[in-house]
Amino acid sequence: MSIQWINERYPEGNRIFDSMREAEEWADSLFSDFAGSMESNVGYATPDRKVFDFLSEFLPKWARYNHSDITIHTDIEQFDQKPLYKIWVTLKEPTPGT
C-alpha cells in the first residue's frame, strides 16, 4: 500500500509547535489535504505529538463530514533517535451484504 504523506509538502511538516493552539490550528489547516483525498491512502507524519493528537481527533469528524467510511491507522517510529508519529487513513472495506 502506497501512502501519500502530506507532511512532505510543507516545511512545517517537521516542526514542533510551541503551543497547543498553534498545533491545533496547523492540524485543522490540513482539512483540505485530507478531505480532498479521503478516497485514497493519505497520511501525516510529524515529530509533534500535539499535531498527531489533534489529527486523531479531527479525522473522524472530517470523514463524517465527507460521508467517508475510513479506518484510521497510527504508528510511532524512531527517526534520528526521536519519535515520529504517523497517522493515515484508508477506506473501509465494504461489509458483504450491505
C-alpha atoms as a PDB file:
ATOM      1  CA  MET A   1       0.000   0.000   0.000  1.00  0.00           C
ATOM      2  CA  SER A   2       1.343   3.370  -1.007  1.00  0.00           C
ATOM      3  CA  ILE A   3       0.561   6.285   1.300  1.00  0.00           C
ATOM      4  CA  GLN A   4       0.578   9.895   0.178  1.00  0.00           C
ATOM      5  CA  TRP A   5       2.372  11.720   3.024  1.00  0.00           C
ATOM      6  CA  ILE A   6       1.017  15.269   3.273  1.00  0.00           C
ATOM      7  CA  ASN A   7       3.817  16.460   5.572  1.00  0.00           C
ATOM      8  CA  GLU A   8       6.291  16.218   2.692  1.00  0.00           C
ATOM      9  CA  ARG A   9       4.541  19.167   1.010  1.00  0.00           C
ATOM     10  CA  TYR A  10       5.139  21.637   3.832  1.00  0.00           C
ATOM     11  CA  PRO A  11       8.220  22.964   5.632  1.00  0.00           C
ATOM     12  CA  GLU A  12       6.104  22.908   8.820  1.00  0.00           C
ATOM     13  CA  GLY A  13       5.838  19.131   8.475  1.00  0.00           C
ATOM     14  CA  ASN A  14       8.883  18.659  10.707  1.00  0.00           C
ATOM     15  CA  ARG A  15       8.073  21.424  13.149  1.00  0.00           C
ATOM     16  CA  ILE A  16       7.264  21.008  16.822  1.00  0.00           C
ATOM     17  CA  PHE A  17       4.828  23.787  17.670  1.00  0.00           C
ATOM     18  CA  ASP A  18       5.281  25.850  20.822  1.00  0.00           C
ATOM     19  CA  SER A  19       1.668  25.806  21.967  1.00  0.00           C
ATOM     20  CA  MET A  20      -1.400  23.618  21.821  1.00  0.00           C
ATOM     21  CA  ARG A  21      -3.216  26.380  19.950  1.00  0.00           C
ATOM     22  CA  GLU A  22      -0.589  26.545  17.195  1.00  0.00           C
ATOM     23  CA  ALA A  23      -0.640  22.761  16.825  1.00  0.00           C
ATOM     24  CA  GLU A  24      -4.440  22.735  16.696  1.00  0.00           C
ATOM     25  CA  GLU A  25      -4.536  25.467  14.053  1.00  0.00           C
ATOM     26  CA  TRP A  26      -1.920  23.657  11.968  1.00  0.00           C
ATOM     27  CA  ALA A  27      -3.716  20.311  12.209  1.00  0.00           C
ATOM     28  CA  ASP A  28      -7.034  21.969  11.342  1.00  0.00           C
ATOM     29  CA  SER A  29      -5.435  23.646   8.308  1.00  0.00           C
ATOM     30  CA  LEU A  30      -4.774  20.168   6.870  1.00  0.00           C
ATOM     31  CA  PHE A  31      -8.514  19.578   6.333  1.00  0.00           C
ATOM     32  CA  SER A  32      -8.388  20.254   2.597  1.00  0.00           C
ATOM     33  CA  ASP A  33      -5.385  17.943   2.157  1.00  0.00           C
ATOM     34  CA  PHE A  34      -7.169  15.068   3.883  1.00  0.00           C
ATOM     35  CA  ALA A  35     -10.715  15.826   2.737  1.00  0.00           C
ATOM     36  CA  GLY A  36      -9.715  16.058  -0.893  1.00  0.00           C
ATOM     37  CA  SER A  37      -8.023  12.676  -0.625  1.00  0.00           C
ATOM     38  CA  MET A  38     -10.361  10.800   1.756  1.00  0.00           C
ATOM     39  CA  GLU A  39     -10.847   8.291  -1.031  1.00  0.00           C
ATOM     40  CA  SER A  40      -7.169   7.333  -1.101  1.00  0.00           C
ATOM     41  CA  ASN A  41      -4.389   6.374   1.281  1.00  0.00           C
ATOM     42  CA  VAL A  42      -3.276   9.683   2.745  1.00  0.00           C
ATOM     43  CA  GLY A  43      -1.378  10.414   5.929  1.00  0.00           C
ATOM     44  CA  TYR A  44       0.734  12.747   8.002  1.00  0.00           C
ATOM     45  CA  ALA A  45       3.992  12.065   9.844  1.00  0.00           C
ATOM     46  CA  THR A  46       5.159  14.508  12.500  1.00  0.00           C
ATOM     47  CA  PRO A  47       7.602  14.755  15.375  1.00  0.00           C
ATOM     48  CA  ASP A  48       4.958  16.802  17.250  1.00  0.00           C
ATOM     49  CA  ARG A  49       2.699  14.672  19.444  1.00  0.00           C
ATOM     50  CA  LYS A  50       0.261  17.586  19.714  1.00  0.00           C
ATOM     51  CA  VAL A  51      -0.384  17.649  15.942  1.00  0.00           C
ATOM     52  CA  PHE A  52      -0.787  13.859  15.958  1.00  0.00           C
ATOM     53  CA  ASP A  53      -3.329  14.061  18.804  1.00  0.00           C
ATOM     54  CA  PHE A  54      -5.355  16.768  17.067  1.00  0.00           C
ATOM     55  CA  LEU A  55      -5.394  14.824  13.804  1.00  0.00           C
ATOM     56  CA  SER A  56      -6.585  11.771  15.746  1.00  0.00           C
ATOM     57  CA  GLU A  57      -9.490  13.895  16.945  1.00  0.00           C
ATOM     58  CA  PHE A  58     -10.216  15.692  13.665  1.00  0.00           C
ATOM     59  CA  LEU A  59     -10.011  12.825  11.154  1.00  0.00           C
ATOM     60  CA  PRO A  60     -13.178  11.002  12.283  1.00  0.00           C
ATOM     61  CA  LYS A  61     -15.095  14.308  12.193  1.00  0.00           C
ATOM     62  CA  TRP A  62     -13.787  15.148   8.725  1.00  0.00           C
ATOM     63  CA  ALA A  63     -14.715  11.678   7.478  1.00  0.00           C
ATOM     64  CA  ARG A  64     -18.285  12.048   8.781  1.00  0.00           C
ATOM     65  CA  TYR A  65     -18.497  15.478   7.176  1.00  0.00           C
ATOM     66  CA  ASN A  66     -17.386  13.976   3.838  1.00  0.00           C
ATOM     67  CA  HIS A  67     -19.579  10.877   4.252  1.00  0.00           C
ATOM     68  CA  SER A  68     -16.453   8.710   4.035  1.00  0.00           C
ATOM     69  CA  ASP A  69     -16.117   5.379   5.803  1.00  0.00           C
ATOM     70  CA  ILE A  70     -12.453   5.251   6.780  1.00  0.00           C
ATOM     71  CA  THR A  71     -10.104   3.340   9.013  1.00  0.00           C
ATOM     72  CA  ILE A  72      -7.529   5.395  10.883  1.00  0.00           C
ATOM     73  CA  HIS A  73      -4.097   3.835  11.310  1.00  0.00           C
ATOM     74  CA  THR A  74      -1.333   5.029  13.619  1.00  0.00           C
ATOM     75  CA  ASP A  75       2.277   4.150  14.193  1.00  0.00           C
ATOM     76  CA  ILE A  76       5.243   5.550  16.072  1.00  0.00           C
ATOM     77  CA  GLU A  77       8.697   5.107  14.596  1.00  0.00           C
ATOM     78  CA  GLN A  78      12.091   6.294  15.730  1.00  0.00           C
ATOM     79  CA  PHE A  79      13.762   8.791  13.413  1.00  0.00           C
ATOM     80  CA  ASP A  80      17.105  10.289  14.412  1.00  0.00           C
ATOM     81  CA  GLN A  81      16.511   8.833  17.881  1.00  0.00           C
ATOM     82  CA  LYS A  82      13.264  10.804  18.249  1.00  0.00           C
ATOM     83  CA  PRO A  83       9.669   9.630  17.904  1.00  0.00           C
ATOM     84  CA  LEU A  84       7.921  10.200  14.595  1.00  0.00           C
ATOM     85  CA  TYR A  85       4.146   9.966  14.939  1.00  0.00           C
ATOM     86  CA  LYS A  86       2.316   8.687  11.855  1.00  0.00           C
ATOM     87  CA  ILE A  87      -1.385   8.755  11.156  1.00  0.00           C
ATOM     88  CA  TRP A  88      -3.082   7.750   7.900  1.00  0.00           C
ATOM     89  CA  VAL A  89      -6.469   6.788   6.577  1.00  0.00           C
ATOM     90  CA  THR A  90      -7.707   4.044   4.305  1.00  0.00           C
ATOM     91  CA  LEU A  91     -11.192   3.335   3.075  1.00  0.00           C
ATOM     92  CA  LYS A  92     -13.012   0.633   4.994  1.00  0.00           C
ATOM     93  CA  GLU A  93     -13.742  -2.480   3.063  1.00  0.00           C
ATOM     94  CA  PRO A  94     -17.485  -2.838   2.387  1.00  0.00           C
ATOM     95  CA  THR A  95     -19.213  -5.392   4.574  1.00  0.00           C
ATOM     96  CA  PRO A  96     -20.594  -8.265   2.486  1.00  0.00           C
ATOM     97  CA  GLY A  97     -24.323  -7.983   2.055  1.00  0.00           C
ATOM     98  CA  THR A  98     -24.527  -4.220   2.514  1.00  0.00           C
END
